[in-house]
């Protein structure tokens, strides 16, 4: 993954750190904005760690004979 230097988000660890901060704030004072950020952020964190998109995962499963 190329370094974009966008909001200091270059590695999965950077996104994870921000998600941790937002989660701590969400626990103290739940807001819809933080919930939405956490839901999307955790989804993208999985993709960053795997360095694959959901479409790539579905193709791989199909090629292995899994539904």
Protein backbone atom coordinates (compact mmCIF):
# COMPACT_ATOMS: atom_id res chain seq x y z
CA UNK A 1 0.00 0.00 0.00
CA UNK A 2 1.58 3.33 -1.00
CA UNK A 3 2.07 6.00 1.64
CA UNK A 4 -0.44 8.79 1.08
CA UNK A 5 0.37 10.78 4.23
CA UNK A 6 -3.29 11.71 4.46
CA UNK A 7 -4.23 12.60 8.03
CA UNK A 8 -1.27 10.47 9.21
CA UNK A 9 -3.07 7.32 8.04
CA UNK A 10 -0.38 5.30 6.33
CA UNK A 11 -0.60 1.92 8.07
CA UNK A 12 -3.32 -0.20 9.65
CA UNK A 13 -1.84 0.71 13.05
CA UNK A 14 -2.59 4.40 12.41
CA UNK A 15 -6.25 3.73 11.70
CA UNK A 16 -6.45 1.35 14.67
CA UNK A 17 -5.06 4.07 16.97
CA UNK A 18 -7.71 6.56 15.82
CA UNK A 19 -10.45 3.94 16.16
CA UNK A 20 -9.34 3.27 19.72
CA UNK A 21 -9.59 6.99 20.57
CA UNK A 22 -13.04 7.27 19.02
CA UNK A 23 -14.19 4.10 20.80
CA UNK A 24 -13.09 5.48 24.17
CA UNK A 25 -15.05 8.68 23.49
CA UNK A 26 -18.04 6.65 22.26
CA UNK A 27 -18.16 4.58 25.46
CA UNK A 28 -18.33 7.77 27.56
CA UNK A 29 -20.77 9.63 25.31
CA UNK A 30 -22.32 7.58 22.46
CA UNK A 31 -23.10 9.59 19.35
CA UNK A 32 -24.41 8.56 15.96
CA UNK A 33 -21.38 10.13 14.29
CA UNK A 34 -18.92 8.07 16.34
CA UNK A 35 -20.94 4.89 15.80
CA UNK A 36 -20.91 5.47 12.05
CA UNK A 37 -17.16 6.21 12.09
CA UNK A 38 -16.47 3.05 14.09
CA UNK A 39 -18.60 0.86 11.81
CA UNK A 40 -16.92 2.12 8.66
CA UNK A 41 -13.48 2.32 10.21
CA UNK A 42 -13.51 -1.26 11.46
CA UNK A 43 -14.66 -2.48 8.05
CA UNK A 44 -11.81 -0.68 6.32
CA UNK A 45 -9.30 -1.74 8.95
CA UNK A 46 -9.93 -5.37 7.99
CA UNK A 47 -9.26 -4.50 4.35
CA UNK A 48 -6.08 -2.61 5.23
CA UNK A 49 -4.75 -5.50 7.31
CA UNK A 50 -5.60 -8.06 4.62
CA UNK A 51 -4.54 -5.67 1.84
CA UNK A 52 -7.48 -7.04 -0.12
CA UNK A 53 -10.97 -5.80 -0.86
CA UNK A 54 -14.14 -7.75 -0.11
CA UNK A 55 -14.49 -8.48 -3.83
CA UNK A 56 -11.04 -10.13 -3.82
CA UNK A 57 -12.04 -12.26 -0.83
CA UNK A 58 -15.28 -13.36 -2.55
CA UNK A 59 -13.37 -14.31 -5.72
CA UNK A 60 -10.86 -16.34 -3.72
CA UNK A 61 -13.63 -18.18 -1.86
CA UNK A 62 -15.43 -18.93 -5.14
CA UNK A 63 -12.22 -20.28 -6.70
CA UNK A 64 -11.73 -22.57 -3.70
CA UNK A 65 -15.24 -23.94 -4.09
CA UNK A 66 -16.71 -22.18 -1.03
CA UNK A 67 -20.05 -20.35 -1.29
